[in-house]
Amino acid sequence: FVPPPIHWDEEKGCGSPYFTWVYGCQVVEVRVNTSTGKTDLLHVTAAHDVGRVLNPVGFEGQVYGGVAQGFGYALLEDFNIEN
């Protein structure tokens, strides 16, 4: 296996800095109070193609961290796409 080249342009904030790919899917059920904007996370299903898990605690931490990061990104970050 020869990994593809990686590159990152710090000034433009773009590129391909990683040569690994992760396959997974996360689905969440939320409740939103449309009057106040309060959001409750009710249920999460996360499925990830990880292969053989050598460190179950580390694996769970990565999945939980990914769920938390995704939920925070969905609620708190401003995501604008142009062009």
PDB file of N, CA and C in Angstrom:
ATOM      1  N   PHE A   1       0.834  -1.186   0.000  1.00  0.00           N
ATOM      2  CA  PHE A   1       0.000   0.000   0.000  1.00  0.00           C
ATOM      3  C   PHE A   1       0.868   1.234   0.000  1.00  0.00           C
ATOM      4  N   VAL A   2       0.628   2.092  -0.951  1.00  0.00           N
ATOM      5  CA  VAL A   2       1.325   3.369  -1.013  1.00  0.00           C
ATOM      6  C   VAL A   2       0.281   4.457  -0.793  1.00  0.00           C
ATOM      7  N   PRO A   3       0.352   5.167   0.335  1.00  0.00           N
ATOM      8  CA  PRO A   3      -0.657   6.192   0.595  1.00  0.00           C
ATOM      9  C   PRO A   3      -0.551   7.329  -0.407  1.00  0.00           C
ATOM     10  N   PRO A   4      -1.683   7.942  -0.747  1.00  0.00           N
ATOM     11  CA  PRO A   4      -1.644   9.080  -1.665  1.00  0.00           C
ATOM     12  C   PRO A   4      -0.962  10.273  -1.000  1.00  0.00           C
ATOM     13  N   PRO A   5      -0.469  11.204  -1.818  1.00  0.00           N
ATOM     14  CA  PRO A   5       0.216  12.365  -1.239  1.00  0.00           C
ATOM     15  C   PRO A   5      -0.765  13.225  -0.436  1.00  0.00           C
ATOM     16  N   ILE A   6      -0.237  13.865   0.591  1.00  0.00           N
ATOM     17  CA  ILE A   6      -1.043  14.789   1.378  1.00  0.00           C
ATOM     18  C   ILE A   6      -0.505  16.194   1.192  1.00  0.00           C
ATOM     19  N   HIS A   7      -1.386  17.178   1.300  1.00  0.00           N
ATOM     20  CA  HIS A   7      -0.957  18.571   1.209  1.00  0.00           C
ATOM     21  C   HIS A   7      -1.968  19.443   1.952  1.00  0.00           C
ATOM     22  N   TRP A   8      -1.485  20.547   2.477  1.00  0.00           N
ATOM     23  CA  TRP A   8      -2.343  21.467   3.202  1.00  0.00           C
ATOM     24  C   TRP A   8      -1.834  22.882   2.986  1.00  0.00           C
ATOM     25  N   ASP A   9      -2.716  23.766   2.529  1.00  0.00           N
ATOM     26  CA  ASP A   9      -2.387  25.173   2.335  1.00  0.00           C
ATOM     27  C   ASP A   9      -2.905  25.932   3.553  1.00  0.00           C
ATOM     28  N   GLU A  10      -1.997  26.310   4.450  1.00  0.00           N
ATOM     29  CA  GLU A  10      -2.377  26.965   5.703  1.00  0.00           C
ATOM     30  C   GLU A  10      -3.054  28.314   5.459  1.00  0.00           C
ATOM     31  N   GLU A  11      -2.588  29.059   4.466  1.00  0.00           N
ATOM     32  CA  GLU A  11      -3.168  30.375   4.196  1.00  0.00           C
ATOM     33  C   GLU A  11      -4.602  30.284   3.681  1.00  0.00           C
ATOM     34  N   LYS A  12      -4.867  29.342   2.803  1.00  0.00           N
ATOM     35  CA  LYS A  12      -6.210  29.176   2.236  1.00  0.00           C
ATOM     36  C   LYS A  12      -7.091  28.268   3.093  1.00  0.00           C
ATOM     37  N   GLY A  13      -6.479  27.491   3.984  1.00  0.00           N
ATOM     38  CA  GLY A  13      -7.239  26.574   4.823  1.00  0.00           C
ATOM     39  C   GLY A  13      -7.873  25.436   4.053  1.00  0.00           C
ATOM     40  N   CYS A  14      -7.161  24.916   3.069  1.00  0.00           N
ATOM     41  CA  CYS A  14      -7.727  23.824   2.277  1.00  0.00           C
ATOM     42  C   CYS A  14      -6.625  22.857   1.855  1.00  0.00           C
ATOM     43  N   GLY A  15      -7.061  21.703   1.391  1.00  0.00           N
ATOM     44  CA  GLY A  15      -6.140  20.686   0.933  1.00  0.00           C
ATOM     45  C   GLY A  15      -6.612  19.309   1.333  1.00  0.00           C
ATOM     46  N   SER A  16      -5.725  18.350   1.239  1.00  0.00           N
ATOM     47  CA  SER A  16      -5.996  16.973   1.654  1.00  0.00           C
ATOM     48  C   SER A  16      -4.944  16.576   2.686  1.00  0.00           C
ATOM     49  N   PRO A  17      -5.189  16.882   3.959  1.00  0.00           N
ATOM     50  CA  PRO A  17      -4.157  16.624   4.956  1.00  0.00           C
ATOM     51  C   PRO A  17      -4.096  15.186   5.452  1.00  0.00           C
ATOM     52  N   TYR A  18      -5.033  14.353   5.046  1.00  0.00           N
ATOM     53  CA  TYR A  18      -5.073  12.979   5.558  1.00  0.00           C
ATOM     54  C   TYR A  18      -5.113  11.990   4.403  1.00  0.00           C
ATOM     55  N   PHE A  19      -4.577  10.809   4.634  1.00  0.00           N
ATOM     56  CA  PHE A  19      -4.658   9.770   3.611  1.00  0.00           C
ATOM     57  C   PHE A  19      -5.547   8.614   4.062  1.00  0.00           C
ATOM     58  N   THR A  20      -6.217   8.749   5.186  1.00  0.00           N
ATOM     59  CA  THR A  20      -7.130   7.703   5.634  1.00  0.00           C
ATOM     60  C   THR A  20      -8.561   8.169   5.437  1.00  0.00           C
ATOM     61  N   TRP A  21      -9.451   7.221   5.284  1.00  0.00           N
ATOM     62  CA  TRP A  21     -10.857   7.525   5.115  1.00  0.00           C
ATOM     63  C   TRP A  21     -11.635   6.756   6.171  1.00  0.00           C
ATOM     64  N   VAL A  22     -12.653   7.370   6.677  1.00  0.00           N
ATOM     65  CA  VAL A  22     -13.471   6.760   7.718  1.00  0.00           C
ATOM     66  C   VAL A  22     -14.879   6.603   7.183  1.00  0.00           C
ATOM     67  N   TYR A  23     -15.448   5.446   7.417  1.00  0.00           N
ATOM     68  CA  TYR A  23     -16.803   5.184   6.977  1.00  0.00           C
ATOM     69  C   TYR A  23     -17.688   5.006   8.191  1.00  0.00           C
ATOM     70  N   GLY A  24     -18.698   5.832   8.287  1.00  0.00           N
ATOM     71  CA  GLY A  24     -19.606   5.746   9.419  1.00  0.00           C
ATOM     72  C   GLY A  24     -20.861   6.534   9.140  1.00  0.00           C
ATOM     73  N   CYS A  25     -21.812   6.324  10.004  1.00  0.00           N
ATOM     74  CA  CYS A  25     -23.086   7.031   9.873  1.00  0.00           C
ATOM     75  C   CYS A  25     -23.628   7.272  11.272  1.00  0.00           C
ATOM     76  N   GLN A  26     -24.162   8.449  11.489  1.00  0.00           N
ATOM     77  CA  GLN A  26     -24.768   8.784  12.765  1.00  0.00           C
ATOM     78  C   GLN A  26     -26.143   9.374  12.499  1.00  0.00           C
ATOM     79  N   VAL A  27     -27.118   8.907  13.253  1.00  0.00           N
ATOM     80  CA  VAL A  27     -28.492   9.392  13.143  1.00  0.00           C
ATOM     81  C   VAL A  27     -28.925   9.801  14.544  1.00  0.00           C
ATOM     82  N   VAL A  28     -29.532  10.968  14.660  1.00  0.00           N
ATOM     83  CA  VAL A  28     -29.977  11.424  15.974  1.00  0.00           C
ATOM     84  C   VAL A  28     -31.456  11.790  15.944  1.00  0.00           C
ATOM     85  N   GLU A  29     -32.072  11.628  17.094  1.00  0.00           N
ATOM     86  CA  GLU A  29     -33.443  12.085  17.283  1.00  0.00           C
ATOM     87  C   GLU A  29     -33.368  13.249  18.273  1.00  0.00           C
ATOM     88  N   VAL A  30     -33.915  14.378  17.874  1.00  0.00           N
ATOM     89  CA  VAL A  30     -33.879  15.573  18.719  1.00  0.00           C
ATOM     90  C   VAL A  30     -35.281  16.128  18.933  1.00  0.00           C
ATOM     91  N   ARG A  31     -35.405  16.886  20.006  1.00  0.00           N
ATOM     92  CA  ARG A  31     -36.637  17.620  20.256  1.00  0.00           C
ATOM     93  C   ARG A  31     -36.230  19.093  20.333  1.00  0.00           C
ATOM     94  N   VAL A  32     -36.937  19.937  19.578  1.00  0.00           N
ATOM     95  CA  VAL A  32     -36.621  21.355  19.544  1.00  0.00           C
ATOM     96  C   VAL A  32     -37.844  22.146  19.981  1.00  0.00           C
ATOM     97  N   ASN A  33     -37.668  22.998  20.975  1.00  0.00           N
ATOM     98  CA  ASN A  33     -38.715  23.921  21.381  1.00  0.00           C
ATOM     99  C   ASN A  33     -38.607  25.118  20.442  1.00  0.00           C
ATOM    100  N   THR A  34     -39.556  25.257  19.541  1.00  0.00           N
ATOM    101  CA  THR A  34     -39.476  26.313  18.525  1.00  0.00           C
ATOM    102  C   THR A  34     -39.693  27.702  19.111  1.00  0.00           C
ATOM    103  N   SER A  35     -40.207  27.785  20.319  1.00  0.00           N
ATOM    104  CA  SER A  35     -40.381  29.090  20.961  1.00  0.00           C
ATOM    105  C   SER A  35     -39.089  29.589  21.594  1.00  0.00           C
ATOM    106  N   THR A  36     -38.338  28.662  22.203  1.00  0.00           N
ATOM    107  CA  THR A  36     -37.121  29.061  22.912  1.00  0.00           C
ATOM    108  C   THR A  36     -35.836  28.679  22.185  1.00  0.00           C
ATOM    109  N   GLY A  37     -35.917  27.715  21.267  1.00  0.00           N
ATOM    110  CA  GLY A  37     -34.729  27.221  20.587  1.00  0.00           C
ATOM    111  C   GLY A  37     -34.000  26.138  21.364  1.00  0.00           C
ATOM    112  N   LYS A  38     -34.500  25.784  22.562  1.00  0.00           N
ATOM    113  CA  LYS A  38     -33.866  24.731  23.366  1.00  0.00           C
ATOM    114  C   LYS A  38     -33.952  23.404  22.615  1.00  0.00           C
ATOM    115  N   THR A  39     -32.829  22.729  22.558  1.00  0.00           N
ATOM    116  CA  THR A  39     -32.743  21.466  21.829  1.00  0.00           C
ATOM    117  C   THR A  39     -32.332  20.355  22.778  1.00  0.00           C
ATOM    118  N   ASP A  40     -33.053  19.241  22.742  1.00  0.00           N
ATOM    119  CA  ASP A  40     -32.730  18.069  23.542  1.00  0.00           C
ATOM    120  C   ASP A  40     -32.348  16.928  22.613  1.00  0.00           C
ATOM    121  N   LEU A  41     -31.221  16.303  22.904  1.00  0.00           N
ATOM    122  CA  LEU A  41     -30.777  15.123  22.176  1.00  0.00           C
ATOM    123  C   LEU A  41     -31.430  13.908  22.827  1.00  0.00           C
ATOM    124  N   LEU A  42     -32.338  13.256  22.107  1.00  0.00           N
ATOM    125  CA  LEU A  42     -33.109  12.162  22.671  1.00  0.00           C
ATOM    126  C   LEU A  42     -32.476  10.792  22.457  1.00  0.00           C
ATOM    127  N   HIS A  43     -31.928  10.569  21.267  1.00  0.00           N
ATOM    128  CA  HIS A  43     -31.392   9.247  20.958  1.00  0.00           C
ATOM    129  C   HIS A  43     -30.350   9.373  19.853  1.00  0.00           C
ATOM    130  N   VAL A  44     -29.298   8.588  19.963  1.00  0.00           N
ATOM    131  CA  VAL A  44     -28.236   8.575  18.958  1.00  0.00           C
ATOM    132  C   VAL A  44     -27.989   7.133  18.529  1.00  0.00           C
ATOM    133  N   THR A  45     -27.901   6.915  17.234  1.00  0.00           N
ATOM    134  CA  THR A  45     -27.434   5.650  16.690  1.00  0.00           C
ATOM    135  C   THR A  45     -26.195   5.953  15.865  1.00  0.00           C
ATOM    136  N   ALA A  46     -25.095   5.310  16.204  1.00  0.00           N
ATOM    137  CA  ALA A  46     -23.838   5.528  15.495  1.00  0.00           C
ATOM    138  C   ALA A  46     -23.318   4.187  15.002  1.00  0.00           C
ATOM    139  N   ALA A  47     -23.032   4.100  13.720  1.00  0.00           N
ATOM    140  CA  ALA A  47     -22.484   2.881  13.128  1.00  0.00           C
ATOM    141  C   ALA A  47     -21.211   3.251  12.368  1.00  0.00           C
ATOM    142  N   HIS A  48     -20.123   2.583  12.710  1.00  0.00           N
ATOM    143  CA  HIS A  48     -18.838   2.896  12.102  1.00  0.00           C
ATOM    144  C   HIS A  48     -18.143   1.615  11.666  1.00  0.00           C
ATOM    145  N   ASP A  49     -17.583   1.635  10.480  1.00  0.00           N
ATOM    146  CA  ASP A  49     -16.822   0.509   9.959  1.00  0.00           C
ATOM    147  C   ASP A  49     -15.388   0.661  10.462  1.00  0.00           C
ATOM    148  N   VAL A  50     -15.054  -0.031  11.549  1.00  0.00           N
ATOM    149  CA  VAL A  50     -13.769   0.177  12.196  1.00  0.00           C
ATOM    150  C   VAL A  50     -12.816  -1.004  12.079  1.00  0.00           C
ATOM    151  N   GLY A  51     -13.297  -2.093  11.553  1.00  0.00           N
ATOM    152  CA  GLY A  51     -12.429  -3.260  11.509  1.00  0.00           C
ATOM    153  C   GLY A  51     -12.339  -3.904  12.871  1.00  0.00           C
ATOM    154  N   ARG A  52     -11.212  -4.499  13.165  1.00  0.00           N
ATOM    155  CA  ARG A  52     -11.019  -5.175  14.456  1.00  0.00           C
ATOM    156  C   ARG A  52     -10.632  -4.149  15.512  1.00  0.00           C
ATOM    157  N   VAL A  53     -11.397  -4.077  16.589  1.00  0.00           N
ATOM    158  CA  VAL A  53     -11.137  -3.116  17.661  1.00  0.00           C
ATOM    159  C   VAL A  53     -10.107  -3.713  18.619  1.00  0.00           C
ATOM    160  N   LEU A  54      -8.968  -3.037  18.760  1.00  0.00           N
ATOM    161  CA  LEU A  54      -7.925  -3.489  19.670  1.00  0.00           C
ATOM    162  C   LEU A  54      -8.044  -2.839  21.041  1.00  0.00           C
ATOM    163  N   ASN A  55      -8.633  -1.659  21.091  1.00  0.00           N
ATOM    164  CA  ASN A  55      -8.773  -0.925  22.344  1.00  0.00           C
ATOM    165  C   ASN A  55     -10.228  -0.465  22.464  1.00  0.00           C
ATOM    166  N   PRO A  56     -11.096  -1.267  23.096  1.00  0.00           N
ATOM    167  CA  PRO A  56     -12.518  -0.922  23.160  1.00  0.00           C
ATOM    168  C   PRO A  56     -12.796   0.424  23.829  1.00  0.00           C
ATOM    169  N   VAL A  57     -12.048   0.765  24.865  1.00  0.00           N
ATOM    170  CA  VAL A  57     -12.263   2.045  25.542  1.00  0.00           C
ATOM    171  C   VAL A  57     -11.910   3.200  24.604  1.00  0.00           C
ATOM    172  N   GLY A  58     -10.800   3.068  23.904  1.00  0.00           N
ATOM    173  CA  GLY A  58     -10.409   4.100  22.939  1.00  0.00           C
ATOM    174  C   GLY A  58     -11.406   4.218  21.804  1.00  0.00           C
ATOM    175  N   PHE A  59     -11.894   3.086  21.329  1.00  0.00           N
ATOM    176  CA  PHE A  59     -12.898   3.078  20.267  1.00  0.00           C
ATOM    177  C   PHE A  59     -14.167   3.813  20.701  1.00  0.00           C
ATOM    178  N   GLU A  60     -14.676   3.466  21.886  1.00  0.00           N
ATOM    179  CA  GLU A  60     -15.885   4.126  22.384  1.00  0.00           C
ATOM    180  C   GLU A  60     -15.656   5.623  22.556  1.00  0.00           C
ATOM    181  N   GLY A  61     -14.491   5.992  23.054  1.00  0.00           N
ATOM    182  CA  GLY A  61     -14.178   7.415  23.217  1.00  0.00           C
ATOM    183  C   GLY A  61     -14.187   8.156  21.895  1.00  0.00           C
ATOM    184  N   GLN A  62     -13.661   7.532  20.840  1.00  0.00           N
ATOM    185  CA  GLN A  62     -13.655   8.164  19.520  1.00  0.00           C
ATOM    186  C   GLN A  62     -15.072   8.345  18.989  1.00  0.00           C
ATOM    187  N   VAL A  63     -15.915   7.330  19.162  1.00  0.00           N
ATOM    188  CA  VAL A  63     -17.295   7.426  18.675  1.00  0.00           C
ATOM    189  C   VAL A  63     -18.063   8.471  19.473  1.00  0.00           C
ATOM    190  N   TYR A  64     -17.949   8.427  20.805  1.00  0.00           N
ATOM    191  CA  TYR A  64     -18.648   9.419  21.635  1.00  0.00           C
ATOM    192  C   TYR A  64     -18.167  10.830  21.304  1.00  0.00           C
ATOM    193  N   GLY A  65     -16.870  10.979  21.121  1.00  0.00           N
ATOM    194  CA  GLY A  65     -16.328  12.285  20.762  1.00  0.00           C
ATOM    195  C   GLY A  65     -16.844  12.768  19.416  1.00  0.00           C
ATOM    196  N   GLY A  66     -16.953  11.860  18.455  1.00  0.00           N
ATOM    197  CA  GLY A  66     -17.488  12.222  17.142  1.00  0.00           C
ATOM    198  C   GLY A  66     -18.944  12.649  17.212  1.00  0.00           C
ATOM    199  N   VAL A  67     -19.727  11.948  18.031  1.00  0.00           N
ATOM    200  CA  VAL A  67     -21.138  12.323  18.215  1.00  0.00           C
ATOM    201  C   VAL A  67     -21.222  13.705  18.851  1.00  0.00           C
ATOM    202  N   ALA A  68     -20.446  13.940  19.908  1.00  0.00           N
ATOM    203  CA  ALA A  68     -20.471  15.230  20.584  1.00  0.00           C
ATOM    204  C   ALA A  68     -20.023  16.356  19.652  1.00  0.00           C
ATOM    205  N   GLN A  69     -18.984  16.107  18.874  1.00  0.00           N
ATOM    206  CA  GLN A  69     -18.493  17.110  17.938  1.00  0.00           C
ATOM    207  C   GLN A  69     -19.538  17.405  16.859  1.00  0.00           C
ATOM    208  N   GLY A  70     -20.180  16.368  16.351  1.00  0.00           N
ATOM    209  CA  GLY A  70     -21.203  16.565  15.327  1.00  0.00           C
ATOM    210  C   GLY A  70     -22.404  17.326  15.853  1.00  0.00           C
ATOM    211  N   PHE A  71     -22.823  17.002  17.076  1.00  0.00           N
ATOM    212  CA  PHE A  71     -23.971  17.702  17.669  1.00  0.00           C
ATOM    213  C   PHE A  71     -23.620  19.165  17.922  1.00  0.00           C
ATOM    214  N   GLY A  72     -22.438  19.400  18.446  1.00  0.00           N
ATOM    215  CA  GLY A  72     -22.007  20.781  18.666  1.00  0.00           C
ATOM    216  C   GLY A  72     -21.895  21.547  17.362  1.00  0.00           C
ATOM    217  N   TYR A  73     -21.365  20.907  16.341  1.00  0.00           N
ATOM    218  CA  TYR A  73     -21.235  21.548  15.031  1.00  0.00           C
ATOM    219  C   TYR A  73     -22.602  21.903  14.457  1.00  0.00           C
ATOM    220  N   ALA A  74     -23.553  20.992  14.620  1.00  0.00           N
ATOM    221  CA  ALA A  74     -24.903  21.234  14.091  1.00  0.00           C
ATOM    222  C   ALA A  74     -25.589  22.392  14.801  1.00  0.00           C
ATOM    223  N   LEU A  75     -25.328  22.567  16.075  1.00  0.00           N
ATOM    224  CA  LEU A  75     -26.042  23.583  16.849  1.00  0.00           C
ATOM    225  C   LEU A  75     -25.315  24.917  16.962  1.00  0.00           C
ATOM    226  N   LEU A  76     -23.999  24.885  17.011  1.00  0.00           N
ATOM    227  CA  LEU A  76     -23.269  26.078  17.414  1.00  0.00           C
ATOM    228  C   LEU A  76     -22.411  26.719  16.330  1.00  0.00           C
ATOM    229  N   GLU A  77     -22.118  26.005  15.281  1.00  0.00           N
ATOM    230  CA  GLU A  77     -21.205  26.546  14.288  1.00  0.00           C
ATOM    231  C   GLU A  77     -21.975  27.151  13.125  1.00  0.00           C
ATOM    232  N   ASP A  78     -21.406  28.193  12.550  1.00  0.00           N
ATOM    233  CA  ASP A  78     -21.984  28.829  11.369  1.00  0.00           C
ATOM    234  C   ASP A  78     -21.338  28.197  10.149  1.00  0.00           C
ATOM    235  N   PHE A  79     -22.125  27.521   9.351  1.00  0.00           N
ATOM    236  CA  PHE A  79     -21.613  26.769   8.209  1.00  0.00           C
ATOM    237  C   PHE A  79     -22.154  27.398   6.929  1.00  0.00           C
ATOM    238  N   ASN A  80     -21.312  28.153   6.260  1.00  0.00           N
ATOM    239  CA  ASN A  80     -21.701  28.822   5.014  1.00  0.00           C
ATOM    240  C   ASN A  80     -20.938  28.214   3.851  1.00  0.00           C
ATOM    241  N   ILE A  81     -21.668  27.923   2.785  1.00  0.00           N
ATOM    242  CA  ILE A  81     -21.029  27.409   1.589  1.00  0.00           C
ATOM    243  C   ILE A  81     -21.321  28.396   0.453  1.00  0.00           C
ATOM    244  N   GLU A  82     -20.288  28.810  -0.199  1.00  0.00           N
ATOM    245  CA  GLU A  82     -20.441  29.680  -1.359  1.00  0.00           C
ATOM    246  C   GLU A  82     -19.745  29.038  -2.547  1.00  0.00           C
ATOM    247  N   ASN A  83     -20.386  29.161  -3.715  1.00  0.00           N
ATOM    248  CA  ASN A  83     -19.805  28.619  -4.959  1.00  0.00           C
ATOM    249  C   ASN A  83     -19.559  27.137  -4.867  1.00  0.00           C
TER     250      ASN A  83
END
